[in-house]
Amino acid sequence: MTGNAESRPTALDRADSRVRHDAGMSGAVRGFIDRIRSGDLGSLPVVVGLVVICTVFQSLNPVFLSSRNLVDLLFDSSTVGVISLGIVSILIVGEIDLSVGSVSGLASAIIGVLWVNTGWPVGLAIVVALVAGCVIGLIYSALFNRLGMPSFVSTLAGLLAALGLQLYLLGATGSINLPYDSPLVDLGQNWIMPHLVAYALVLLAGIGIFITGSRRAAQRRAAGLTPPAIAGILARAAAFVVVVEFVVWYLNQDRGVPWMFGLFVGLVVGMDYALTRTKWGRSMLAVGGNREAARRAGINVRRIYQSAFALCATLAALGGVLSAARLASASQQAGTGDVNLNAIAAAVIGGTSLFGGRGSAYSALLGIVVIQAIASGLTLLDLSSSLRYMITGGVLAIAVIVDSLARRSRVSHGRA
């Protein structure tokens, strides 16, 4: 009798179970509200801004949200988006790279000269372009670590040097056309995911979200903390799958999801894993948050800066390769104009802090979609590019103001 009574749950046990269940179901909502109050806005401002932008442009021109226009927008977002992903890595450690546009233009010039003029295999030419970008980043890190040169100055000098080398390589003609029927150009202009592949990738991503959330819940449970409810994790994963599958279905009404955009998203996911799940990523955030505290914690600060500069310049070079594929040419205009500013603006608009120590790989994805949405909407309205610069500048200023206010709120909340 005693054994049965001990094994039978009491009213107190059942009540405690209900409390834990309710905490799990509502924990995500309470946690979200607490983060907002503490100043951790995450991607909320940019998502709200994107909804407003899409609503305004769709009301002015119904073509804006057509599947054809959205497919073109994804193609155009991929090139600068990859460059912006590198900017995220350098902003996280509290530095800046002003030369990413010129480095991307230099990479496109290397592709044109080695592949078209010299006859090298296209794969080898791409490798050389990426190595050139990595070497440039290593030079910046050496100037920063060994000589103490501010990244603003070193990368500004690099901007001029890379631009000059780009003009030298292209020579008097100033432009090299890439073979239009080549796989590289097809990637930039024509290659679309098969519909079933796109659907399957979204489903796999949803499964990954559920598995990751379940593992985190198990880790919290093992640590004696209140875990989120499995039902809540499943609901979030299911909502993601439903929404993104609908987007894929809508894009498939025209051509579908571009492989180049898929490559960009794959890089974003890989960068997010590296920043959130590896010792290197945690060290990056620690160095950006407080360099001296990171050094005292045993982190090799110089090595972290070296990896950040190298990664930023390498991704800039990759963006230049994709830009050459998109335009089917390497020219003196590649990497110039607003490429540099858009790459930096996308990272900041997407939520990466200019103060260092806070950012996400998804900042590049969200930010570049916002910028390209503005550019596409104004183009459809046949408005001057001057308006695009002014609107993008205003959005960037708002993003920095929100980041500054959120940072102040986090400091005040921490003191409280």
Protein backbone atom coordinates (compact mmCIF):
# COMPACT_ATOMS: atom_id res chain seq x y z
CA MET A 1 0.00 0.00 0.00
CA THR A 2 2.80 2.32 0.91
CA GLY A 3 4.58 1.73 -2.39
CA ASN A 4 1.39 2.42 -4.38
CA ALA A 5 0.71 5.59 -2.44
CA GLU A 6 4.24 6.87 -3.08
CA SER A 7 4.06 6.10 -6.79
CA ARG A 8 0.64 7.73 -7.21
CA PRO A 9 0.97 11.49 -8.07
CA THR A 10 -0.42 13.76 -5.40
CA ALA A 11 -2.50 16.86 -5.94
CA LEU A 12 0.59 18.95 -5.24
CA ASP A 13 2.56 17.03 -7.91
CA ARG A 14 -0.23 17.54 -10.45
CA ALA A 15 -0.43 21.24 -9.66
CA ASP A 16 3.34 21.59 -10.01
CA SER A 17 3.18 19.79 -13.34
CA ARG A 18 0.49 22.17 -14.58
CA VAL A 19 2.61 25.15 -13.48
CA ARG A 20 5.63 23.84 -15.37
CA HIS A 21 3.51 23.17 -18.46
CA ASP A 22 1.98 26.65 -18.40
CA ALA A 23 5.44 28.15 -17.91
CA GLY A 24 6.70 26.22 -20.89
CA MET A 25 3.81 27.26 -23.13
CA SER A 26 3.92 30.91 -22.15
CA GLY A 27 7.65 31.13 -21.49
CA ALA A 28 8.44 32.05 -25.08
CA VAL A 29 5.91 34.90 -25.04
CA ARG A 30 7.10 36.21 -21.67
CA GLY A 31 10.71 35.89 -22.76
CA PHE A 32 9.97 37.84 -25.95
CA ILE A 33 8.26 40.62 -23.98
CA ASP A 34 11.13 40.72 -21.48
CA ARG A 35 13.67 41.02 -24.29
CA ILE A 36 11.73 43.91 -25.81
CA ARG A 37 11.57 45.70 -22.45
CA SER A 38 15.28 45.19 -21.88
CA GLY A 39 16.12 46.70 -25.28
CA ASP A 40 16.89 43.46 -27.13
CA LEU A 41 14.69 44.12 -30.15
CA GLY A 42 16.35 41.55 -32.38
CA SER A 43 15.01 41.58 -35.93
CA LEU A 44 11.61 43.03 -34.99
CA PRO A 45 12.25 46.60 -36.27
CA VAL A 46 13.52 45.46 -39.66
CA VAL A 47 10.64 43.00 -40.12
CA VAL A 48 8.13 45.73 -39.30
CA GLY A 49 9.95 48.10 -41.64
CA LEU A 50 9.92 45.54 -44.45
CA VAL A 51 6.18 45.02 -44.04
CA VAL A 52 5.61 48.78 -44.22
CA ILE A 53 7.82 49.13 -47.31
CA CYS A 54 6.06 46.28 -49.11
CA THR A 55 2.62 47.65 -48.20
CA VAL A 56 3.44 51.13 -49.49
CA PHE A 57 4.99 50.01 -52.79
CA GLN A 58 2.30 47.41 -53.43
CA SER A 59 -0.39 50.04 -52.99
CA LEU A 60 1.41 52.29 -55.46
CA ASN A 61 2.19 49.57 -58.00
CA PRO A 62 0.55 46.11 -57.89
CA VAL A 63 3.48 44.65 -59.82
CA PHE A 64 5.79 45.05 -56.81
CA LEU A 65 4.75 41.84 -55.06
CA SER A 66 4.30 39.86 -58.25
CA SER A 67 6.21 36.60 -58.33
CA ARG A 68 8.26 37.74 -61.33
CA ASN A 69 9.46 40.89 -59.58
CA LEU A 70 10.25 38.99 -56.36
CA VAL A 71 12.37 36.45 -58.24
CA ASP A 72 14.37 39.28 -59.80
CA LEU A 73 14.70 40.87 -56.36
CA LEU A 74 16.18 37.65 -54.96
CA PHE A 75 18.70 37.47 -57.81
CA ASP A 76 19.78 41.06 -57.18
CA SER A 77 19.93 40.61 -53.40
CA SER A 78 22.39 37.74 -53.52
CA THR A 79 25.51 39.55 -54.74
CA VAL A 80 25.58 42.45 -52.30
CA GLY A 81 24.07 40.19 -49.63
CA VAL A 82 27.18 37.99 -49.62
CA ILE A 83 29.37 41.08 -49.25
CA SER A 84 27.15 42.32 -46.40
CA LEU A 85 27.57 38.97 -44.65
CA GLY A 86 31.29 39.73 -44.43
CA ILE A 87 30.51 43.18 -43.04
CA VAL A 88 28.51 41.50 -40.26
CA SER A 89 31.61 39.58 -39.19
CA ILE A 90 33.79 42.68 -38.97
CA LEU A 91 31.14 44.82 -37.26
CA ILE A 92 30.68 42.18 -34.56
CA VAL A 93 34.27 42.74 -33.41
CA GLY A 94 33.69 46.50 -33.43
CA GLU A 95 35.68 47.34 -36.59
CA ILE A 96 34.82 48.33 -40.16
CA ASP A 97 35.94 47.52 -43.69
CA LEU A 98 35.39 50.34 -46.19
CA SER A 99 37.02 48.50 -49.10
CA VAL A 100 34.56 45.64 -49.65
CA GLY A 101 33.16 47.25 -52.79
CA SER A 102 36.60 47.69 -54.35
CA VAL A 103 37.67 44.19 -53.31
CA SER A 104 34.58 42.75 -54.99
CA GLY A 105 35.38 44.74 -58.15
CA LEU A 106 38.97 43.50 -58.08
CA ALA A 107 37.74 39.91 -57.76
CA SER A 108 35.51 40.32 -60.80
CA ALA A 109 38.45 41.77 -62.76
CA ILE A 110 40.60 38.77 -61.77
CA ILE A 111 37.88 36.44 -63.04
CA GLY A 112 37.69 38.24 -66.38
CA VAL A 113 41.45 38.45 -66.95
CA LEU A 114 42.35 34.91 -65.90
CA TRP A 115 39.35 33.12 -67.36
CA VAL A 116 38.59 35.03 -70.56
CA ASN A 117 41.87 36.72 -71.52
CA THR A 118 44.34 34.12 -70.25
CA GLY A 119 42.26 30.98 -70.73
CA TRP A 120 42.48 29.59 -67.20
CA PRO A 121 39.74 27.20 -66.01
CA VAL A 122 36.94 29.18 -64.43
CA GLY A 123 37.19 27.23 -61.17
CA LEU A 124 40.87 28.07 -60.78
CA ALA A 125 40.19 31.74 -61.57
CA ILE A 126 37.54 31.83 -58.83
CA VAL A 127 39.99 30.30 -56.34
CA VAL A 128 42.60 32.93 -57.18
CA ALA A 129 40.02 35.71 -56.73
CA LEU A 130 39.01 34.36 -53.30
CA VAL A 131 42.64 33.94 -52.22
CA ALA A 132 43.34 37.53 -53.27
CA GLY A 133 40.48 38.70 -51.08
CA CYS A 134 41.74 36.64 -48.13
CA VAL A 135 45.26 38.07 -48.52
CA ILE A 136 43.88 41.61 -48.49
CA GLY A 137 42.03 40.84 -45.27
CA LEU A 138 45.19 39.40 -43.70
CA ILE A 139 47.07 42.58 -44.61
CA TYR A 140 44.41 44.66 -42.85
CA SER A 141 44.65 42.46 -39.77
CA ALA A 142 48.46 42.77 -39.71
CA LEU A 143 48.23 46.56 -39.91
CA PHE A 144 45.65 46.54 -37.12
CA ASN A 145 47.28 44.00 -34.79
CA ARG A 146 50.94 44.88 -35.22
CA LEU A 147 50.93 48.59 -36.04
CA GLY A 148 47.71 49.65 -34.36
CA MET A 149 46.44 51.27 -37.54
CA PRO A 150 42.69 51.99 -37.24
CA SER A 151 40.62 49.82 -39.54
CA PHE A 152 38.92 52.92 -40.92
CA VAL A 153 42.26 54.18 -42.25
CA SER A 154 43.72 50.88 -43.45
CA THR A 155 40.59 49.82 -45.32
CA LEU A 156 40.17 53.28 -46.82
CA ALA A 157 43.70 52.98 -48.19
CA GLY A 158 42.81 49.47 -49.35
CA LEU A 159 39.77 50.82 -51.15
CA LEU A 160 41.96 53.07 -53.28
CA ALA A 161 44.63 50.42 -53.84
CA ALA A 162 42.13 47.72 -54.85
CA LEU A 163 40.33 50.12 -57.17
CA GLY A 164 43.60 51.10 -58.82
CA LEU A 165 44.59 47.44 -59.28
CA GLN A 166 41.16 46.69 -60.75
CA LEU A 167 41.56 49.48 -63.33
CA TYR A 168 45.10 48.29 -64.13
CA LEU A 169 44.00 44.69 -64.75
CA LEU A 170 41.11 45.67 -66.99
CA GLY A 171 43.32 47.93 -69.08
CA ALA A 172 42.22 50.41 -71.69
CA THR A 173 39.09 48.50 -72.70
CA GLY A 174 37.73 48.74 -69.17
CA SER A 175 35.40 45.79 -69.62
CA ILE A 176 35.58 42.05 -70.25
CA ASN A 177 32.49 40.11 -71.32
CA LEU A 178 32.08 36.65 -69.80
CA PRO A 179 30.84 33.71 -71.91
CA TYR A 180 27.08 33.95 -71.74
CA ASP A 181 26.55 30.19 -72.00
CA SER A 182 28.96 29.37 -69.15
CA PRO A 183 27.81 27.74 -65.89
CA LEU A 184 28.97 30.79 -63.91
CA VAL A 185 26.76 33.16 -65.88
CA ASP A 186 23.90 30.65 -65.77
CA LEU A 187 24.19 30.69 -61.97
CA GLY A 188 23.88 34.47 -61.93
CA GLN A 189 21.04 34.76 -64.42
CA ASN A 190 19.20 31.54 -65.17
CA TRP A 191 19.60 28.66 -62.73
CA ILE A 192 16.45 28.02 -60.72
CA MET A 193 15.87 25.32 -58.11
CA PRO A 194 13.54 22.52 -59.17
CA HIS A 195 10.25 23.09 -57.39
CA LEU A 196 10.35 19.86 -55.41
CA VAL A 197 13.92 20.59 -54.27
CA ALA A 198 12.90 24.01 -52.97
CA TYR A 199 9.95 22.52 -51.06
CA ALA A 200 12.15 19.76 -49.63
CA LEU A 201 14.82 22.21 -48.45
CA VAL A 202 12.24 24.27 -46.57
CA LEU A 203 10.87 21.13 -44.93
CA LEU A 204 14.37 20.08 -43.88
CA ALA A 205 14.96 23.55 -42.43
CA GLY A 206 11.77 23.23 -40.39
CA ILE A 207 12.86 19.83 -39.10
CA GLY A 208 16.22 21.33 -38.19
CA ILE A 209 14.51 24.13 -36.25
CA PHE A 210 12.49 21.58 -34.28
CA ILE A 211 15.50 19.36 -33.54
CA THR A 212 17.63 22.32 -32.46
CA GLY A 213 14.88 23.66 -30.22
CA SER A 214 14.33 20.24 -28.68
CA ARG A 215 18.02 19.88 -27.89
CA ARG A 216 18.12 23.29 -26.25
CA ALA A 217 15.08 22.36 -24.19
CA ALA A 218 16.79 19.13 -23.10
CA GLN A 219 19.92 21.08 -22.11
CA ARG A 220 17.85 23.51 -20.02
CA ARG A 221 16.02 20.61 -18.40
CA ALA A 222 19.31 18.92 -17.54
CA ALA A 223 20.57 22.18 -16.02
CA GLY A 224 17.52 22.46 -13.78
CA LEU A 225 16.02 25.36 -15.74
CA THR A 226 12.47 25.63 -17.05
CA PRO A 227 12.52 24.35 -20.64
CA PRO A 228 10.20 25.63 -23.36
CA ALA A 229 7.27 23.38 -24.13
CA ILE A 230 7.78 20.90 -26.96
CA ALA A 231 4.40 21.96 -28.30
CA GLY A 232 5.64 25.53 -28.57
CA ILE A 233 8.80 24.44 -30.39
CA LEU A 234 6.76 22.33 -32.77
CA ALA A 235 4.37 25.23 -33.38
CA ARG A 236 7.23 27.59 -34.27
CA ALA A 237 8.78 25.05 -36.64
CA ALA A 238 5.41 24.36 -38.26
CA ALA A 239 4.70 28.08 -38.67
CA PHE A 240 8.09 28.55 -40.32
CA VAL A 241 7.44 25.70 -42.75
CA VAL A 242 3.94 26.91 -43.64
CA VAL A 243 5.00 30.52 -44.24
CA VAL A 244 8.16 29.76 -46.21
CA GLU A 245 6.52 26.97 -48.22
CA PHE A 246 3.86 29.48 -49.24
CA VAL A 247 6.56 31.93 -50.31
CA VAL A 248 8.26 29.18 -52.34
CA TRP A 249 4.94 28.22 -53.92
CA TYR A 250 4.32 31.85 -54.85
CA LEU A 251 7.79 32.22 -56.39
CA ASN A 252 7.19 29.00 -58.33
CA GLN A 253 4.26 30.68 -60.04
CA ASP A 254 6.95 32.45 -62.08
CA ARG A 255 10.39 30.86 -62.35
CA GLY A 256 11.05 29.79 -58.77
CA VAL A 257 13.83 30.19 -56.22
CA PRO A 258 17.22 31.14 -57.74
CA TRP A 259 20.14 28.84 -56.92
CA MET A 260 22.28 31.92 -56.33
CA PHE A 261 19.91 33.06 -53.60
CA GLY A 262 20.01 29.54 -52.20
CA LEU A 263 23.80 29.81 -52.05
CA PHE A 264 23.48 33.11 -50.18
CA VAL A 265 21.02 31.64 -47.67
CA GLY A 266 23.30 28.63 -47.21
CA LEU A 267 26.18 30.95 -46.34
CA VAL A 268 23.93 32.81 -43.89
CA VAL A 269 22.94 29.57 -42.16
CA GLY A 270 26.56 28.44 -41.99
CA MET A 271 27.68 31.79 -40.58
CA ASP A 272 24.87 31.73 -38.02
CA TYR A 273 25.95 28.27 -36.85
CA ALA A 274 29.57 29.42 -36.58
CA LEU A 275 28.64 32.52 -34.57
CA THR A 276 26.22 30.83 -32.19
CA ARG A 277 27.50 27.26 -31.88
CA THR A 278 31.30 27.40 -32.02
CA LYS A 279 34.04 28.66 -29.75
CA TRP A 280 35.18 30.97 -32.53
CA GLY A 281 31.76 32.62 -32.75
CA ARG A 282 31.49 33.11 -29.02
CA SER A 283 34.98 34.58 -29.03
CA MET A 284 33.99 36.99 -31.80
CA LEU A 285 31.08 38.30 -29.77
CA ALA A 286 33.20 38.49 -26.61
CA VAL A 287 35.95 40.50 -28.33
CA GLY A 288 33.40 42.89 -29.83
CA GLY A 289 31.68 43.31 -26.46
CA ASN A 290 34.81 43.95 -24.38
CA ARG A 291 38.25 43.40 -25.84
CA GLU A 292 40.14 43.57 -22.56
CA ALA A 293 37.75 41.22 -20.77
CA ALA A 294 38.06 38.76 -23.66
CA ARG A 295 41.86 38.90 -23.45
CA ARG A 296 41.80 38.25 -19.73
CA ALA A 297 39.46 35.31 -20.32
CA GLY A 298 42.17 33.66 -22.40
CA ILE A 299 40.88 34.47 -25.88
CA ASN A 300 43.51 35.06 -28.56
CA VAL A 301 42.23 38.51 -29.49
CA ARG A 302 44.70 39.04 -32.32
CA ARG A 303 43.68 35.77 -33.95
CA ILE A 304 40.01 36.71 -33.72
CA TYR A 305 40.63 40.06 -35.43
CA GLN A 306 42.68 38.29 -38.08
CA SER A 307 39.87 35.85 -38.85
CA ALA A 308 37.28 38.64 -38.96
CA PHE A 309 39.24 40.77 -41.45
CA ALA A 310 40.11 37.75 -43.61
CA LEU A 311 36.53 36.47 -43.66
CA CYS A 312 35.13 39.90 -44.53
CA ALA A 313 37.48 40.42 -47.47
CA THR A 314 37.02 36.84 -48.72
CA LEU A 315 33.24 37.19 -48.75
CA ALA A 316 33.65 40.53 -50.53
CA ALA A 317 35.64 38.72 -53.23
CA LEU A 318 32.95 36.03 -53.47
CA GLY A 319 30.35 38.75 -53.85
CA GLY A 320 32.42 40.15 -56.72
CA VAL A 321 32.46 36.74 -58.41
CA LEU A 322 28.67 36.49 -58.11
CA SER A 323 28.30 40.05 -59.37
CA ALA A 324 30.34 39.20 -62.46
CA ALA A 325 28.09 36.18 -62.97
CA ARG A 326 24.99 38.32 -62.61
CA LEU A 327 26.19 40.98 -65.08
CA ALA A 328 28.05 38.54 -67.37
CA SER A 329 30.97 40.95 -67.39
CA ALA A 330 33.86 42.40 -65.44
CA SER A 331 34.08 46.16 -65.80
CA GLN A 332 35.51 49.26 -64.20
CA GLN A 333 32.09 49.99 -62.70
CA ALA A 334 32.00 46.71 -60.77
CA GLY A 335 32.15 47.32 -57.03
CA THR A 336 31.79 51.08 -57.40
CA GLY A 337 28.74 53.26 -56.91
CA ASP A 338 26.60 52.26 -53.98
CA VAL A 339 27.86 48.66 -53.57
CA ASN A 340 30.10 49.57 -50.66
CA LEU A 341 27.50 51.64 -48.85
CA ASN A 342 24.68 49.17 -49.48
CA ALA A 343 26.71 46.29 -48.05
CA ILE A 344 27.44 48.21 -44.85
CA ALA A 345 23.91 49.64 -44.65
CA ALA A 346 22.35 46.18 -45.06
CA ALA A 347 24.27 44.79 -42.10
CA VAL A 348 23.31 47.73 -39.88
CA ILE A 349 19.69 47.92 -41.04
CA GLY A 350 19.37 44.18 -40.44
CA GLY A 351 20.29 44.60 -36.79
CA THR A 352 24.06 44.28 -36.42
CA SER A 353 25.32 46.82 -33.91
CA LEU A 354 27.87 49.43 -34.92
CA PHE A 355 29.16 49.29 -31.34
CA GLY A 356 30.32 45.69 -31.66
CA GLY A 357 29.50 42.59 -29.67
CA ARG A 358 26.04 42.04 -31.09
CA GLY A 359 24.88 40.86 -34.47
CA SER A 360 23.53 37.98 -36.48
CA ALA A 361 24.22 36.46 -39.87
CA TYR A 362 20.55 36.93 -40.64
CA SER A 363 21.13 40.69 -40.41
CA ALA A 364 22.68 40.58 -43.87
CA LEU A 365 19.70 38.67 -45.28
CA LEU A 366 17.06 40.95 -43.80
CA GLY A 367 18.97 44.15 -44.47
CA ILE A 368 19.72 43.49 -48.12
CA VAL A 369 16.10 42.48 -48.78
CA VAL A 370 15.00 45.83 -47.32
CA ILE A 371 17.46 47.77 -49.50
CA GLN A 372 16.60 45.85 -52.67
CA ALA A 373 12.89 46.24 -51.94
CA ILE A 374 13.34 50.01 -51.80
CA ALA A 375 15.36 49.99 -55.03
CA SER A 376 12.87 47.74 -56.82
CA GLY A 377 9.86 49.73 -55.68
CA LEU A 378 11.31 53.05 -56.82
CA THR A 379 12.36 51.54 -60.16
CA LEU A 380 8.83 50.29 -60.79
CA LEU A 381 7.52 53.76 -59.99
CA ASP A 382 10.06 55.22 -62.45
CA LEU A 383 11.40 57.58 -59.82
CA SER A 384 14.86 59.10 -59.66
CA SER A 385 17.70 57.17 -58.05
CA SER A 386 18.27 60.23 -55.88
CA LEU A 387 15.15 59.25 -53.94
CA ARG A 388 16.55 55.76 -53.41
CA TYR A 389 19.69 57.21 -51.83
CA MET A 390 17.68 59.52 -49.60
CA ILE A 391 15.22 56.84 -48.49
CA THR A 392 17.98 54.28 -47.88
CA GLY A 393 19.91 56.89 -45.90
CA GLY A 394 16.84 57.63 -43.82
CA VAL A 395 16.24 53.94 -43.12
CA LEU A 396 19.90 53.54 -42.14
CA ALA A 397 19.70 56.52 -39.78
CA ILE A 398 16.57 55.09 -38.16
CA ALA A 399 18.29 51.71 -37.74
CA VAL A 400 21.28 53.31 -36.00
CA ILE A 401 19.00 55.39 -33.76
CA VAL A 402 17.03 52.28 -32.78
CA ASP A 403 20.28 50.41 -32.08
CA SER A 404 21.60 53.29 -29.96
CA LEU A 405 18.37 53.57 -27.96
CA ALA A 406 18.20 49.80 -27.50
CA ARG A 407 21.80 49.75 -26.30
CA ARG A 408 21.03 52.51 -23.80
CA SER A 409 17.96 50.59 -22.63
CA ARG A 410 20.02 47.42 -22.13
CA VAL A 411 22.58 49.34 -20.04
CA SER A 412 19.82 50.90 -17.91
CA HIS A 413 18.11 47.53 -17.51
CA GLY A 414 21.37 45.91 -16.46
CA ARG A 415 21.98 48.58 -13.81
CA ALA A 416 18.46 48.16 -12.50
